[in-house]
Amino acid sequence: QELLQEGLARSQGAPPATRGDKKC
């Protein structure tokens, strides 16, 4: 449970991990 809470806390502060294809 501690590890899950730590992971959730880190993921909420981090930018979304999406692979954005930049249009050009």
PDB file of all heavy atoms in Angstrom:
ATOM      1  N   GLN A   1       0.824  -1.207   0.000  1.00  0.00           N
ATOM      2  CA  GLN A   1       0.000   0.000   0.000  1.00  0.00           C
ATOM      3  C   GLN A   1       0.866   1.268   0.000  1.00  0.00           C
ATOM      4  O   GLN A   1       0.554   2.241  -0.684  1.00  0.00           O
ATOM      5  CB  GLN A   1      -0.953   0.003   1.209  1.00  0.00           C
ATOM      6  CG  GLN A   1      -2.093  -0.980   1.090  1.00  0.00           C
ATOM      7  CD  GLN A   1      -2.948  -0.709  -0.148  1.00  0.00           C
ATOM      8  OE1 GLN A   1      -3.194   0.426  -0.526  1.00  0.00           O
ATOM      9  NE2 GLN A   1      -3.367  -1.781  -0.787  1.00  0.00           N
ATOM     10  N   GLU A   2       1.963   1.248   0.777  1.00  0.00           N
ATOM     11  CA  GLU A   2       2.874   2.394   0.796  1.00  0.00           C
ATOM     12  C   GLU A   2       3.447   2.656  -0.593  1.00  0.00           C
ATOM     13  O   GLU A   2       3.490   3.802  -1.061  1.00  0.00           O
ATOM     14  CB  GLU A   2       4.038   2.143   1.766  1.00  0.00           C
ATOM     15  CG  GLU A   2       3.688   2.228   3.224  1.00  0.00           C
ATOM     16  CD  GLU A   2       4.893   1.852   4.096  1.00  0.00           C
ATOM     17  OE1 GLU A   2       6.046   2.053   3.649  1.00  0.00           O
ATOM     18  OE2 GLU A   2       4.660   1.356   5.199  1.00  0.00           O
ATOM     19  N   LEU A   3       3.897   1.599  -1.268  1.00  0.00           N
ATOM     20  CA  LEU A   3       4.471   1.743  -2.609  1.00  0.00           C
ATOM     21  C   LEU A   3       3.432   2.258  -3.599  1.00  0.00           C
ATOM     22  O   LEU A   3       3.739   3.102  -4.451  1.00  0.00           O
ATOM     23  CB  LEU A   3       5.046   0.405  -3.093  1.00  0.00           C
ATOM     24  CG  LEU A   3       6.291  -0.086  -2.357  1.00  0.00           C
ATOM     25  CD1 LEU A   3       6.643  -1.505  -2.788  1.00  0.00           C
ATOM     26  CD2 LEU A   3       7.456   0.847  -2.609  1.00  0.00           C
ATOM     27  N   LEU A   4       2.204   1.787  -3.496  1.00  0.00           N
ATOM     28  CA  LEU A   4       1.135   2.267  -4.381  1.00  0.00           C
ATOM     29  C   LEU A   4       0.866   3.748  -4.156  1.00  0.00           C
ATOM     30  O   LEU A   4       0.693   4.516  -5.112  1.00  0.00           O
ATOM     31  CB  LEU A   4      -0.144   1.464  -4.159  1.00  0.00           C
ATOM     32  CG  LEU A   4      -0.161   0.038  -4.712  1.00  0.00           C
ATOM     33  CD1 LEU A   4      -1.423  -0.692  -4.280  1.00  0.00           C
ATOM     34  CD2 LEU A   4      -0.055   0.066  -6.221  1.00  0.00           C
ATOM     35  N   GLN A   5       0.818   4.168  -2.893  1.00  0.00           N
ATOM     36  CA  GLN A   5       0.574   5.577  -2.583  1.00  0.00           C
ATOM     37  C   GLN A   5       1.713   6.464  -3.089  1.00  0.00           C
ATOM     38  O   GLN A   5       1.475   7.555  -3.612  1.00  0.00           O
ATOM     39  CB  GLN A   5       0.372   5.768  -1.075  1.00  0.00           C
ATOM     40  CG  GLN A   5      -0.875   5.101  -0.518  1.00  0.00           C
ATOM     41  CD  GLN A   5      -2.141   5.575  -1.221  1.00  0.00           C
ATOM     42  OE1 GLN A   5      -2.283   6.733  -1.580  1.00  0.00           O
ATOM     43  NE2 GLN A   5      -3.060   4.651  -1.444  1.00  0.00           N
ATOM     44  N   GLU A   6       2.960   5.995  -2.951  1.00  0.00           N
ATOM     45  CA  GLU A   6       4.106   6.760  -3.449  1.00  0.00           C
ATOM     46  C   GLU A   6       4.019   6.910  -4.971  1.00  0.00           C
ATOM     47  O   GLU A   6       4.273   7.985  -5.516  1.00  0.00           O
ATOM     48  CB  GLU A   6       5.416   6.063  -3.085  1.00  0.00           C
ATOM     49  CG  GLU A   6       5.800   6.179  -1.638  1.00  0.00           C
ATOM     50  CD  GLU A   6       7.046   5.362  -1.329  1.00  0.00           C
ATOM     51  OE1 GLU A   6       7.817   5.035  -2.263  1.00  0.00           O
ATOM     52  OE2 GLU A   6       7.256   5.054  -0.148  1.00  0.00           O
ATOM     53  N   GLY A   7       3.681   5.829  -5.654  1.00  0.00           N
ATOM     54  CA  GLY A   7       3.562   5.872  -7.114  1.00  0.00           C
ATOM     55  C   GLY A   7       2.457   6.809  -7.570  1.00  0.00           C
ATOM     56  O   GLY A   7       2.629   7.573  -8.525  1.00  0.00           O
ATOM     57  N   LEU A   8       1.318   6.790  -6.875  1.00  0.00           N
ATOM     58  CA  LEU A   8       0.213   7.699  -7.212  1.00  0.00           C
ATOM     59  C   LEU A   8       0.611   9.154  -6.991  1.00  0.00           C
ATOM     60  O   LEU A   8       0.291  10.025  -7.803  1.00  0.00           O
ATOM     61  CB  LEU A   8      -1.019   7.366  -6.367  1.00  0.00           C
ATOM     62  CG  LEU A   8      -1.828   6.140  -6.800  1.00  0.00           C
ATOM     63  CD1 LEU A   8      -2.915   5.822  -5.781  1.00  0.00           C
ATOM     64  CD2 LEU A   8      -2.438   6.390  -8.164  1.00  0.00           C
ATOM     65  N   ALA A   9       1.306   9.417  -5.905  1.00  0.00           N
ATOM     66  CA  ALA A   9       1.729  10.784  -5.613  1.00  0.00           C
ATOM     67  C   ALA A   9       2.686  11.295  -6.693  1.00  0.00           C
ATOM     68  O   ALA A   9       2.590  12.440  -7.135  1.00  0.00           O
ATOM     69  CB  ALA A   9       2.394  10.854  -4.241  1.00  0.00           C
ATOM     70  N   ARG A  10       3.606  10.441  -7.153  1.00  0.00           N
ATOM     71  CA  ARG A  10       4.546  10.838  -8.206  1.00  0.00           C
ATOM     72  C   ARG A  10       3.838  11.048  -9.539  1.00  0.00           C
ATOM     73  O   ARG A  10       4.140  11.979 -10.272  1.00  0.00           O
ATOM     74  CB  ARG A  10       5.639   9.784  -8.377  1.00  0.00           C
ATOM     75  CG  ARG A  10       6.836  10.062  -7.488  1.00  0.00           C
ATOM     76  CD  ARG A  10       7.960   9.116  -7.809  1.00  0.00           C
ATOM     77  NE  ARG A  10       7.748   7.933  -6.976  1.00  0.00           N
ATOM     78  CZ  ARG A  10       7.977   6.684  -7.331  1.00  0.00           C
ATOM     79  NH1 ARG A  10       8.443   6.420  -8.510  1.00  0.00           N
ATOM     80  NH2 ARG A  10       7.740   5.705  -6.515  1.00  0.00           N
ATOM     81  N   SER A  11       2.889  10.174  -9.847  1.00  0.00           N
ATOM     82  CA  SER A  11       2.228  10.278 -11.156  1.00  0.00           C
ATOM     83  C   SER A  11       1.289  11.486 -11.224  1.00  0.00           C
ATOM     84  O   SER A  11       1.060  12.031 -12.295  1.00  0.00           O
ATOM     85  CB  SER A  11       1.458   9.003 -11.482  1.00  0.00           C
ATOM     86  OG  SER A  11       0.357   8.846 -10.604  1.00  0.00           O
ATOM     87  N   GLN A  12       0.748  11.933 -10.104  1.00  0.00           N
ATOM     88  CA  GLN A  12      -0.140  13.102 -10.112  1.00  0.00           C
ATOM     89  C   GLN A  12       0.638  14.386 -10.354  1.00  0.00           C
ATOM     90  O   GLN A  12       0.126  15.320 -10.948  1.00  0.00           O
ATOM     91  CB  GLN A  12      -0.914  13.191  -8.797  1.00  0.00           C
ATOM     92  CG  GLN A  12      -1.968  12.114  -8.673  1.00  0.00           C
ATOM     93  CD  GLN A  12      -2.625  12.077  -7.306  1.00  0.00           C
ATOM     94  OE1 GLN A  12      -2.182  12.748  -6.389  1.00  0.00           O
ATOM     95  NE2 GLN A  12      -3.669  11.290  -7.183  1.00  0.00           N
ATOM     96  N   GLY A  13       1.877  14.434  -9.933  1.00  0.00           N
ATOM     97  CA  GLY A  13       2.698  15.632 -10.121  1.00  0.00           C
ATOM     98  C   GLY A  13       3.412  15.657 -11.458  1.00  0.00           C
ATOM     99  O   GLY A  13       3.874  16.696 -11.905  1.00  0.00           O
ATOM    100  N   ALA A  14       3.484  14.519 -12.126  1.00  0.00           N
ATOM    101  CA  ALA A  14       4.220  14.433 -13.390  1.00  0.00           C
ATOM    102  C   ALA A  14       3.305  14.775 -14.563  1.00  0.00           C
ATOM    103  O   ALA A  14       2.096  14.600 -14.488  1.00  0.00           O
ATOM    104  CB  ALA A  14       4.775  13.021 -13.560  1.00  0.00           C
ATOM    105  N   PRO A  15       3.884  15.277 -15.651  1.00  0.00           N
ATOM    106  CA  PRO A  15       3.063  15.538 -16.842  1.00  0.00           C
ATOM    107  C   PRO A  15       2.553  14.222 -17.415  1.00  0.00           C
ATOM    108  O   PRO A  15       3.149  13.173 -17.203  1.00  0.00           O
ATOM    109  CB  PRO A  15       4.035  16.218 -17.805  1.00  0.00           C
ATOM    110  CG  PRO A  15       5.388  15.824 -17.338  1.00  0.00           C
ATOM    111  CD  PRO A  15       5.276  15.593 -15.855  1.00  0.00           C
ATOM    112  N   PRO A  16       1.439  14.250 -18.140  1.00  0.00           N
ATOM    113  CA  PRO A  16       0.896  13.011 -18.687  1.00  0.00           C
ATOM    114  C   PRO A  16       1.891  12.344 -19.629  1.00  0.00           C
ATOM    115  O   PRO A  16       2.565  13.003 -20.411  1.00  0.00           O
ATOM    116  CB  PRO A  16      -0.365  13.457 -19.447  1.00  0.00           C
ATOM    117  CG  PRO A  16      -0.266  14.931 -19.583  1.00  0.00           C
ATOM    118  CD  PRO A  16       0.666  15.410 -18.518  1.00  0.00           C
ATOM    119  N   ALA A  17       1.975  11.036 -19.535  1.00  0.00           N
ATOM    120  CA  ALA A  17       2.935  10.268 -20.325  1.00  0.00           C
ATOM    121  C   ALA A  17       2.319   9.840 -21.654  1.00  0.00           C
ATOM    122  O   ALA A  17       2.162   8.671 -21.938  1.00  0.00           O
ATOM    123  CB  ALA A  17       3.399   9.047 -19.541  1.00  0.00           C
ATOM    124  N   THR A  18       1.943  10.800 -22.462  1.00  0.00           N
ATOM    125  CA  THR A  18       1.393  10.472 -23.777  1.00  0.00           C
ATOM    126  C   THR A  18       2.439  10.755 -24.821  1.00  0.00           C
ATOM    127  O   THR A  18       3.226  11.697 -24.703  1.00  0.00           O
ATOM    128  CB  THR A  18       0.138  11.312 -24.082  1.00  0.00           C
ATOM    129  OG1 THR A  18       0.495  12.692 -24.014  1.00  0.00           O
ATOM    130  CG2 THR A  18      -0.983  10.997 -23.118  1.00  0.00           C
ATOM    131  N   ARG A  19       2.435   9.945 -25.828  1.00  0.00           N
ATOM    132  CA  ARG A  19       3.377  10.114 -26.927  1.00  0.00           C
ATOM    133  C   ARG A  19       2.676  10.960 -27.976  1.00  0.00           C
ATOM    134  O   ARG A  19       1.921  10.466 -28.794  1.00  0.00           O
ATOM    135  CB  ARG A  19       3.766   8.749 -27.481  1.00  0.00           C
ATOM    136  CG  ARG A  19       4.846   8.825 -28.505  1.00  0.00           C
ATOM    137  CD  ARG A  19       5.206   7.447 -28.931  1.00  0.00           C
ATOM    138  NE  ARG A  19       6.108   7.541 -30.052  1.00  0.00           N
ATOM    139  CZ  ARG A  19       6.391   6.556 -30.840  1.00  0.00           C
ATOM    140  NH1 ARG A  19       5.843   5.400 -30.640  1.00  0.00           N
ATOM    141  NH2 ARG A  19       7.211   6.715 -31.836  1.00  0.00           N
ATOM    142  N   GLY A  20       2.908  12.242 -27.936  1.00  0.00           N
ATOM    143  CA  GLY A  20       2.219  13.154 -28.839  1.00  0.00           C
ATOM    144  C   GLY A  20       2.924  13.258 -30.176  1.00  0.00           C
ATOM    145  O   GLY A  20       4.108  13.548 -30.235  1.00  0.00           O
ATOM    146  N   ASP A  21       2.194  12.996 -31.233  1.00  0.00           N
ATOM    147  CA  ASP A  21       2.733  13.200 -32.562  1.00  0.00           C
ATOM    148  C   ASP A  21       2.502  14.656 -32.911  1.00  0.00           C
ATOM    149  O   ASP A  21       1.368  15.097 -33.034  1.00  0.00           O
ATOM    150  CB  ASP A  21       2.030  12.294 -33.584  1.00  0.00           C
ATOM    151  CG  ASP A  21       2.383  10.831 -33.390  1.00  0.00           C
ATOM    152  OD1 ASP A  21       3.496  10.574 -32.914  1.00  0.00           O
ATOM    153  OD2 ASP A  21       1.551   9.973 -33.730  1.00  0.00           O
ATOM    154  N   LYS A  22       3.585  15.387 -33.047  1.00  0.00           N
ATOM    155  CA  LYS A  22       3.468  16.796 -33.363  1.00  0.00           C
ATOM    156  C   LYS A  22       3.080  16.954 -34.815  1.00  0.00           C
ATOM    157  O   LYS A  22       3.701  16.373 -35.702  1.00  0.00           O
ATOM    158  CB  LYS A  22       4.784  17.508 -33.087  1.00  0.00           C
ATOM    159  CG  LYS A  22       5.135  17.550 -31.619  1.00  0.00           C
ATOM    160  CD  LYS A  22       6.416  18.311 -31.405  1.00  0.00           C
ATOM    161  CE  LYS A  22       6.752  18.335 -29.923  1.00  0.00           C
ATOM    162  NZ  LYS A  22       8.018  19.004 -29.665  1.00  0.00           N
ATOM    163  N   LYS A  23       2.049  17.743 -35.050  1.00  0.00           N
ATOM    164  CA  LYS A  23       1.628  17.993 -36.414  1.00  0.00           C
ATOM    165  C   LYS A  23       2.504  19.086 -37.001  1.00  0.00           C
ATOM    166  O   LYS A  23       2.935  19.996 -36.308  1.00  0.00           O
ATOM    167  CB  LYS A  23       0.160  18.398 -36.459  1.00  0.00           C
ATOM    168  CG  LYS A  23      -0.769  17.260 -36.117  1.00  0.00           C
ATOM    169  CD  LYS A  23      -2.196  17.646 -36.343  1.00  0.00           C
ATOM    170  CE  LYS A  23      -3.090  16.443 -36.087  1.00  0.00           C
ATOM    171  NZ  LYS A  23      -4.473  16.738 -36.408  1.00  0.00           N
ATOM    172  N   CYS A  24       2.764  18.954 -38.288  1.00  0.00           N
ATOM    173  CA  CYS A  24       3.562  19.942 -38.985  1.00  0.00           C
ATOM    174  C   CYS A  24       3.119  19.989 -40.440  1.00  0.00           C
ATOM    175  O   CYS A  24       2.343  19.153 -40.883  1.00  0.00           O
ATOM    176  CB  CYS A  24       5.042  19.611 -38.888  1.00  0.00           C
ATOM    177  SG  CYS A  24       5.460  18.034 -39.661  1.00  0.00           S
TER     178      CYS A  24
END
